[in-house]
Structures are given as C-alpha cells and as structure tokens.
Amino acid sequence: MSERYLAPYVSFQGRAREAMEFYRTVFGGNVDLQAMDAQGASKPAGPTDRIFHARLDADGLAIIGSDGHPLYPPTVGDNMAIAVGGTDTDRLTKIFGSLSEVGVTKGPLTVQSSGATAGWSPTSSASTG
C-alpha cells in the first residue's frame, strides 16, 4: 500500500466484474474482487457474487469500484467519485478536507481492514464544470 493514492471510484451498476476485467486487459495488473458474506464481512468474490469492492492495480494506476447497491441506483453524476487513501494519514486528511470543501462526502476517511485509511467524495462542481 502506498503512502497515498487517488483513483476514480465507479459504480458499475451490476457490471463491476466485467468492467474491471476489461480494464485489466487494457492496463494489465491485478484485479481484486470482493463480495460480502452473510455476516457482512468481506470475502473473495465467487463467480456469481455481487461485487462489493473491486480494485485494479497496474503500474502505478488504480481503478476502484463496485456493483453499487441494487436498491439505491446512482443518479447521473453520482456514479463516479474520487477515492483518496493510503498510509500517510496527516496528508490524506488535508487532501480530503480540501476536496470536501467543494463536494459532498460519500464516505469519510476511515481505517480499512488493510490498515490503510480511505474515504471518497463525488467529483465536485468545481472540477466538473
């Protein structure tokens, strides 16, 4: 895990596995697909599991996403966010705070099971036009 990363976080609306495998063929690298078990814990996704968290890491770039929630489909403009994470908590807090000043926080900075800190907010009105 790097000190910090910035990556697009995409709700693929049920097509995360297909999208991430496509990006892997284009960029190379490794795809990690995670699902949730009956208790809500993360587990490696099986062939028919809904994707709770997907990540492609390839030569210094990352794409992160999920299938989204079937009961809460994103609205136009809400299916893409910017994920900020890593191990440099002080710097991440400053970056995340600046992004949040002009956007809406979708997920606050929290410590993940990997030990890294991560959060996400939608692209702000300042960055989209």
N, C-alpha and C. Protein backbone atom coordinates (compact mmCIF):
# COMPACT_ATOMS: atom_id res chain seq x y z
N MET A 1 0.86 -1.19 0.00
CA MET A 1 0.00 0.00 0.00
C MET A 1 0.89 1.23 0.00
N SER A 2 0.57 2.17 -0.86
CA SER A 2 1.38 3.38 -0.96
C SER A 2 1.01 4.38 0.12
N GLU A 3 1.90 5.38 0.28
CA GLU A 3 1.64 6.43 1.25
C GLU A 3 0.32 7.12 0.99
N ARG A 4 0.00 7.30 -0.30
CA ARG A 4 -1.29 7.87 -0.67
C ARG A 4 -1.59 7.54 -2.13
N TYR A 5 -2.87 7.50 -2.43
CA TYR A 5 -3.30 7.27 -3.81
C TYR A 5 -4.57 8.08 -4.07
N LEU A 6 -4.79 8.34 -5.33
CA LEU A 6 -6.00 9.00 -5.80
C LEU A 6 -6.48 8.15 -6.97
N ALA A 7 -7.73 7.76 -6.96
CA ALA A 7 -8.24 6.89 -8.01
C ALA A 7 -9.71 7.16 -8.26
N PRO A 8 -10.17 6.93 -9.50
CA PRO A 8 -11.61 7.00 -9.71
C PRO A 8 -12.30 5.85 -8.99
N TYR A 9 -13.47 6.14 -8.42
CA TYR A 9 -14.31 5.12 -7.80
C TYR A 9 -15.62 5.13 -8.56
N VAL A 10 -15.91 4.03 -9.25
CA VAL A 10 -17.04 3.98 -10.17
C VAL A 10 -18.07 2.97 -9.69
N SER A 11 -19.34 3.36 -9.71
CA SER A 11 -20.43 2.42 -9.51
C SER A 11 -20.78 1.87 -10.87
N PHE A 12 -20.48 0.60 -11.08
CA PHE A 12 -20.68 -0.03 -12.39
C PHE A 12 -22.08 -0.62 -12.54
N GLN A 13 -22.96 -0.41 -11.59
CA GLN A 13 -24.35 -0.82 -11.64
C GLN A 13 -24.52 -2.27 -12.08
N GLY A 14 -23.87 -3.17 -11.34
CA GLY A 14 -24.01 -4.58 -11.59
C GLY A 14 -23.03 -5.16 -12.60
N ARG A 15 -22.13 -4.33 -13.13
CA ARG A 15 -21.20 -4.81 -14.15
C ARG A 15 -19.74 -4.61 -13.76
N ALA A 16 -19.46 -4.56 -12.45
CA ALA A 16 -18.09 -4.31 -11.98
C ALA A 16 -17.12 -5.39 -12.43
N ARG A 17 -17.50 -6.65 -12.33
CA ARG A 17 -16.60 -7.73 -12.72
C ARG A 17 -16.21 -7.58 -14.20
N GLU A 18 -17.19 -7.39 -15.04
CA GLU A 18 -16.96 -7.23 -16.48
C GLU A 18 -16.08 -6.01 -16.77
N ALA A 19 -16.38 -4.89 -16.12
CA ALA A 19 -15.61 -3.66 -16.34
C ALA A 19 -14.17 -3.82 -15.88
N MET A 20 -13.97 -4.37 -14.69
CA MET A 20 -12.62 -4.50 -14.16
C MET A 20 -11.78 -5.49 -14.97
N GLU A 21 -12.39 -6.55 -15.45
CA GLU A 21 -11.65 -7.49 -16.30
C GLU A 21 -11.27 -6.83 -17.63
N PHE A 22 -12.16 -5.99 -18.16
CA PHE A 22 -11.83 -5.25 -19.38
C PHE A 22 -10.64 -4.32 -19.12
N TYR A 23 -10.69 -3.55 -18.03
CA TYR A 23 -9.58 -2.64 -17.72
C TYR A 23 -8.28 -3.41 -17.51
N ARG A 24 -8.36 -4.61 -16.94
CA ARG A 24 -7.16 -5.43 -16.75
C ARG A 24 -6.57 -5.82 -18.10
N THR A 25 -7.42 -6.11 -19.10
CA THR A 25 -6.88 -6.46 -20.42
C THR A 25 -6.22 -5.26 -21.07
N VAL A 26 -6.70 -4.07 -20.77
CA VAL A 26 -6.13 -2.85 -21.35
C VAL A 26 -4.85 -2.42 -20.62
N PHE A 27 -4.90 -2.37 -19.28
CA PHE A 27 -3.79 -1.82 -18.49
C PHE A 27 -2.85 -2.88 -17.91
N GLY A 28 -3.28 -4.14 -17.90
CA GLY A 28 -2.51 -5.18 -17.21
C GLY A 28 -2.78 -5.09 -15.73
N GLY A 29 -1.89 -5.65 -14.94
CA GLY A 29 -2.01 -5.55 -13.49
C GLY A 29 -2.87 -6.63 -12.89
N ASN A 30 -3.31 -6.38 -11.68
CA ASN A 30 -4.08 -7.35 -10.90
C ASN A 30 -5.42 -6.77 -10.49
N VAL A 31 -6.44 -7.60 -10.56
CA VAL A 31 -7.79 -7.21 -10.13
C VAL A 31 -8.12 -7.99 -8.86
N ASP A 32 -8.63 -7.27 -7.86
CA ASP A 32 -9.12 -7.88 -6.63
C ASP A 32 -10.61 -7.63 -6.57
N LEU A 33 -11.41 -8.70 -6.55
CA LEU A 33 -12.86 -8.59 -6.47
C LEU A 33 -13.31 -9.15 -5.12
N GLN A 34 -14.03 -8.34 -4.36
CA GLN A 34 -14.50 -8.73 -3.03
C GLN A 34 -16.04 -8.71 -2.99
N ALA A 35 -16.59 -9.66 -2.27
CA ALA A 35 -18.03 -9.72 -2.02
C ALA A 35 -18.22 -9.68 -0.51
N MET A 36 -19.47 -9.75 -0.06
CA MET A 36 -19.76 -9.80 1.37
C MET A 36 -20.37 -11.15 1.69
N ASP A 37 -19.97 -11.71 2.85
CA ASP A 37 -20.60 -12.94 3.29
C ASP A 37 -21.90 -12.61 4.03
N ALA A 38 -22.58 -13.62 4.53
CA ALA A 38 -23.88 -13.43 5.19
C ALA A 38 -23.78 -12.55 6.43
N GLN A 39 -22.60 -12.47 7.04
CA GLN A 39 -22.42 -11.63 8.23
C GLN A 39 -21.94 -10.22 7.87
N GLY A 40 -21.76 -9.93 6.60
CA GLY A 40 -21.32 -8.61 6.17
C GLY A 40 -19.82 -8.43 6.12
N ALA A 41 -19.07 -9.52 6.28
CA ALA A 41 -17.60 -9.44 6.20
C ALA A 41 -17.16 -9.60 4.75
N SER A 42 -16.06 -8.97 4.41
CA SER A 42 -15.50 -9.06 3.07
C SER A 42 -14.92 -10.45 2.82
N LYS A 43 -15.11 -10.95 1.60
CA LYS A 43 -14.56 -12.24 1.18
C LYS A 43 -14.25 -12.17 -0.30
N PRO A 44 -13.32 -13.01 -0.79
CA PRO A 44 -13.07 -13.04 -2.23
C PRO A 44 -14.37 -13.37 -2.97
N ALA A 45 -14.63 -12.65 -4.05
CA ALA A 45 -15.88 -12.85 -4.80
C ALA A 45 -15.83 -14.13 -5.61
N GLY A 46 -16.91 -14.88 -5.52
CA GLY A 46 -17.10 -16.05 -6.36
C GLY A 46 -17.67 -15.62 -7.70
N PRO A 47 -17.81 -16.57 -8.63
CA PRO A 47 -18.25 -16.23 -9.99
C PRO A 47 -19.62 -15.57 -10.08
N THR A 48 -20.51 -15.82 -9.13
CA THR A 48 -21.86 -15.23 -9.21
C THR A 48 -22.13 -14.19 -8.13
N ASP A 49 -21.12 -13.88 -7.30
CA ASP A 49 -21.31 -12.91 -6.22
C ASP A 49 -21.42 -11.49 -6.74
N ARG A 50 -22.22 -10.69 -6.04
CA ARG A 50 -22.29 -9.25 -6.29
C ARG A 50 -20.99 -8.64 -5.78
N ILE A 51 -20.41 -7.73 -6.54
CA ILE A 51 -19.11 -7.15 -6.20
C ILE A 51 -19.32 -5.96 -5.26
N PHE A 52 -18.83 -6.12 -4.04
CA PHE A 52 -18.89 -5.09 -3.02
C PHE A 52 -17.73 -4.11 -3.18
N HIS A 53 -16.55 -4.63 -3.58
CA HIS A 53 -15.37 -3.78 -3.75
C HIS A 53 -14.49 -4.41 -4.84
N ALA A 54 -14.12 -3.61 -5.82
CA ALA A 54 -13.23 -4.07 -6.89
C ALA A 54 -12.09 -3.07 -7.01
N ARG A 55 -10.89 -3.61 -7.24
CA ARG A 55 -9.74 -2.73 -7.39
C ARG A 55 -8.79 -3.32 -8.42
N LEU A 56 -8.38 -2.48 -9.36
CA LEU A 56 -7.34 -2.83 -10.32
C LEU A 56 -6.10 -2.01 -9.97
N ASP A 57 -4.98 -2.69 -9.80
CA ASP A 57 -3.69 -2.02 -9.61
C ASP A 57 -2.80 -2.42 -10.76
N ALA A 58 -2.29 -1.42 -11.50
CA ALA A 58 -1.46 -1.69 -12.67
C ALA A 58 -0.45 -0.57 -12.88
N ASP A 59 0.82 -0.87 -12.70
CA ASP A 59 1.89 0.08 -12.99
C ASP A 59 1.64 1.48 -12.45
N GLY A 60 1.29 1.58 -11.18
CA GLY A 60 1.12 2.88 -10.55
C GLY A 60 -0.24 3.52 -10.72
N LEU A 61 -1.16 2.86 -11.41
CA LEU A 61 -2.51 3.43 -11.51
C LEU A 61 -3.48 2.49 -10.83
N ALA A 62 -4.61 3.05 -10.46
CA ALA A 62 -5.64 2.25 -9.79
C ALA A 62 -7.01 2.70 -10.28
N ILE A 63 -7.90 1.74 -10.38
CA ILE A 63 -9.32 1.99 -10.63
C ILE A 63 -10.05 1.20 -9.56
N ILE A 64 -10.99 1.85 -8.88
CA ILE A 64 -11.73 1.22 -7.79
C ILE A 64 -13.22 1.33 -8.11
N GLY A 65 -13.99 0.35 -7.72
CA GLY A 65 -15.41 0.42 -7.98
C GLY A 65 -16.19 -0.67 -7.28
N SER A 66 -17.46 -0.77 -7.64
CA SER A 66 -18.34 -1.79 -7.08
C SER A 66 -19.54 -1.95 -8.01
N ASP A 67 -20.35 -2.95 -7.69
CA ASP A 67 -21.61 -3.11 -8.43
C ASP A 67 -22.64 -2.08 -7.99
N GLY A 68 -22.39 -1.39 -6.89
CA GLY A 68 -23.37 -0.47 -6.34
C GLY A 68 -24.44 -1.26 -5.59
N HIS A 69 -25.38 -0.57 -5.03
CA HIS A 69 -26.45 -1.21 -4.28
C HIS A 69 -27.69 -1.31 -5.17
N PRO A 70 -28.27 -2.51 -5.29
CA PRO A 70 -29.41 -2.67 -6.20
C PRO A 70 -30.63 -1.85 -5.82
N LEU A 71 -30.78 -1.50 -4.56
CA LEU A 71 -31.94 -0.72 -4.14
C LEU A 71 -31.71 0.79 -4.22
N TYR A 72 -30.44 1.20 -4.42
CA TYR A 72 -30.11 2.62 -4.45
C TYR A 72 -29.25 2.93 -5.67
N PRO A 73 -29.85 2.90 -6.87
CA PRO A 73 -29.05 3.18 -8.06
C PRO A 73 -28.58 4.64 -8.04
N PRO A 74 -27.36 4.88 -8.53
CA PRO A 74 -26.87 6.26 -8.56
C PRO A 74 -27.62 7.08 -9.59
N THR A 75 -27.69 8.37 -9.34
CA THR A 75 -28.25 9.28 -10.31
C THR A 75 -27.13 9.76 -11.22
N VAL A 76 -27.47 10.33 -12.35
CA VAL A 76 -26.47 10.83 -13.27
C VAL A 76 -25.56 11.80 -12.53
N GLY A 77 -24.26 11.60 -12.67
CA GLY A 77 -23.29 12.44 -11.99
C GLY A 77 -22.90 11.92 -10.62
N ASP A 78 -23.63 10.92 -10.12
CA ASP A 78 -23.35 10.37 -8.80
C ASP A 78 -22.75 8.97 -8.88
N ASN A 79 -22.47 8.50 -10.09
CA ASN A 79 -21.92 7.16 -10.23
C ASN A 79 -20.39 7.16 -10.25
N MET A 80 -19.79 8.33 -10.11
CA MET A 80 -18.34 8.46 -10.12
C MET A 80 -17.92 9.30 -8.92
N ALA A 81 -16.88 8.85 -8.24
CA ALA A 81 -16.32 9.59 -7.11
C ALA A 81 -14.80 9.55 -7.23
N ILE A 82 -14.14 10.28 -6.38
CA ILE A 82 -12.69 10.24 -6.30
C ILE A 82 -12.34 9.58 -4.98
N ALA A 83 -11.61 8.47 -5.05
CA ALA A 83 -11.17 7.76 -3.84
C ALA A 83 -9.78 8.26 -3.47
N VAL A 84 -9.60 8.58 -2.22
CA VAL A 84 -8.31 9.01 -1.68
C VAL A 84 -7.98 8.06 -0.55
N GLY A 85 -6.79 7.51 -0.55
CA GLY A 85 -6.43 6.59 0.51
C GLY A 85 -4.93 6.41 0.62
N GLY A 86 -4.51 5.57 1.54
CA GLY A 86 -3.10 5.28 1.73
C GLY A 86 -2.74 5.22 3.20
N THR A 87 -1.46 5.39 3.49
CA THR A 87 -0.98 5.27 4.86
C THR A 87 -0.53 6.58 5.48
N ASP A 88 -0.41 7.65 4.70
CA ASP A 88 0.01 8.97 5.21
C ASP A 88 -1.23 9.72 5.69
N THR A 89 -1.69 9.40 6.89
CA THR A 89 -2.97 9.91 7.40
C THR A 89 -3.02 11.43 7.48
N ASP A 90 -1.95 12.07 7.92
CA ASP A 90 -1.97 13.54 8.03
C ASP A 90 -2.17 14.19 6.67
N ARG A 91 -1.42 13.76 5.68
CA ARG A 91 -1.54 14.33 4.34
C ARG A 91 -2.90 14.02 3.73
N LEU A 92 -3.38 12.78 3.92
CA LEU A 92 -4.69 12.40 3.40
C LEU A 92 -5.80 13.24 4.00
N THR A 93 -5.70 13.52 5.29
CA THR A 93 -6.72 14.33 5.96
C THR A 93 -6.78 15.72 5.34
N LYS A 94 -5.62 16.30 5.05
CA LYS A 94 -5.57 17.63 4.43
C LYS A 94 -6.16 17.59 3.02
N ILE A 95 -5.76 16.61 2.22
CA ILE A 95 -6.28 16.48 0.85
C ILE A 95 -7.79 16.27 0.88
N PHE A 96 -8.23 15.34 1.71
CA PHE A 96 -9.65 15.01 1.77
C PHE A 96 -10.47 16.21 2.23
N GLY A 97 -9.96 16.94 3.21
CA GLY A 97 -10.66 18.14 3.68
C GLY A 97 -10.82 19.17 2.58
N SER A 98 -9.78 19.35 1.77
CA SER A 98 -9.86 20.31 0.67
C SER A 98 -10.87 19.87 -0.38
N LEU A 99 -10.87 18.58 -0.72
CA LEU A 99 -11.86 18.08 -1.69
C LEU A 99 -13.27 18.22 -1.15
N SER A 100 -13.45 17.98 0.13
CA SER A 100 -14.78 18.02 0.73
C SER A 100 -15.34 19.43 0.83
N GLU A 101 -14.46 20.45 0.78
CA GLU A 101 -14.95 21.83 0.85
C GLU A 101 -15.82 22.18 -0.35
N VAL A 102 -15.57 21.55 -1.50
CA VAL A 102 -16.32 21.88 -2.72
C VAL A 102 -17.16 20.71 -3.22
N GLY A 103 -17.22 19.63 -2.47
CA GLY A 103 -18.00 18.47 -2.86
C GLY A 103 -18.78 17.94 -1.67
N VAL A 104 -19.41 16.82 -1.86
CA VAL A 104 -20.18 16.18 -0.81
C VAL A 104 -19.48 14.87 -0.47
N THR A 105 -19.18 14.66 0.79
CA THR A 105 -18.50 13.45 1.22
C THR A 105 -19.43 12.26 1.11
N LYS A 106 -19.00 11.23 0.37
CA LYS A 106 -19.76 9.98 0.26
C LYS A 106 -19.30 8.97 1.29
N GLY A 107 -18.05 9.02 1.67
CA GLY A 107 -17.52 8.11 2.67
C GLY A 107 -16.38 8.80 3.39
N PRO A 108 -16.49 9.02 4.69
CA PRO A 108 -15.45 9.73 5.43
C PRO A 108 -14.16 8.92 5.49
N LEU A 109 -13.06 9.59 5.79
CA LEU A 109 -11.80 8.89 5.96
C LEU A 109 -11.92 7.95 7.15
N THR A 110 -11.70 6.67 6.93
CA THR A 110 -11.74 5.67 7.99
C THR A 110 -10.65 4.64 7.76
N VAL A 111 -10.22 4.00 8.82
CA VAL A 111 -9.23 2.94 8.71
C VAL A 111 -9.91 1.71 8.14
N GLN A 112 -9.31 1.15 7.09
CA GLN A 112 -9.84 -0.03 6.41
C GLN A 112 -9.23 -1.30 7.00
N SER A 113 -9.77 -2.44 6.61
CA SER A 113 -9.26 -3.71 7.12
C SER A 113 -7.80 -3.94 6.73
N SER A 114 -7.34 -3.30 5.65
CA SER A 114 -5.95 -3.43 5.21
C SER A 114 -5.00 -2.62 6.09
N GLY A 115 -5.54 -1.76 6.94
CA GLY A 115 -4.72 -0.89 7.78
C GLY A 115 -4.55 0.50 7.18
N ALA A 116 -4.88 0.66 5.92
CA ALA A 116 -4.80 1.97 5.27
C ALA A 116 -6.02 2.81 5.63
N THR A 117 -5.92 4.08 5.42
CA THR A 117 -7.04 4.99 5.61
C THR A 117 -7.59 5.34 4.24
N ALA A 118 -8.92 5.37 4.09
CA ALA A 118 -9.52 5.69 2.79
C ALA A 118 -10.86 6.40 3.01
N GLY A 119 -11.23 7.19 2.02
CA GLY A 119 -12.52 7.87 2.00
C GLY A 119 -12.80 8.28 0.57
N TRP A 120 -14.03 8.71 0.30
CA TRP A 120 -14.33 9.15 -1.05
C TRP A 120 -15.41 10.21 -1.05
N SER A 121 -15.31 11.07 -2.06
CA SER A 121 -16.31 12.11 -2.25
C SER A 121 -16.55 12.23 -3.75
N PRO A 122 -17.75 12.64 -4.13
CA PRO A 122 -18.01 12.78 -5.57
C PRO A 122 -17.16 13.91 -6.14
N THR A 123 -16.97 13.85 -7.46
CA THR A 123 -16.28 14.96 -8.09
C THR A 123 -17.08 16.22 -7.81
N SER A 124 -16.39 17.27 -7.49
CA SER A 124 -17.05 18.50 -7.08
C SER A 124 -17.54 19.28 -8.27
N SER A 125 -18.42 20.24 -8.01
CA SER A 125 -18.90 21.11 -9.08
C SER A 125 -17.74 21.92 -9.65
N ALA A 126 -16.71 22.20 -8.83
CA ALA A 126 -15.56 22.95 -9.31
C ALA A 126 -14.75 22.14 -10.33
N SER A 127 -14.74 20.81 -10.19
CA SER A 127 -13.93 20.00 -11.11
C SER A 127 -14.73 19.48 -12.30
N THR A 128 -16.05 19.64 -12.29
CA THR A 128 -16.85 19.12 -13.40
C THR A 128 -17.45 20.21 -14.27
N GLY A 129 -17.14 21.42 -14.02
CA GLY A 129 -17.66 22.43 -14.92
C GLY A 129 -18.14 23.57 -14.16
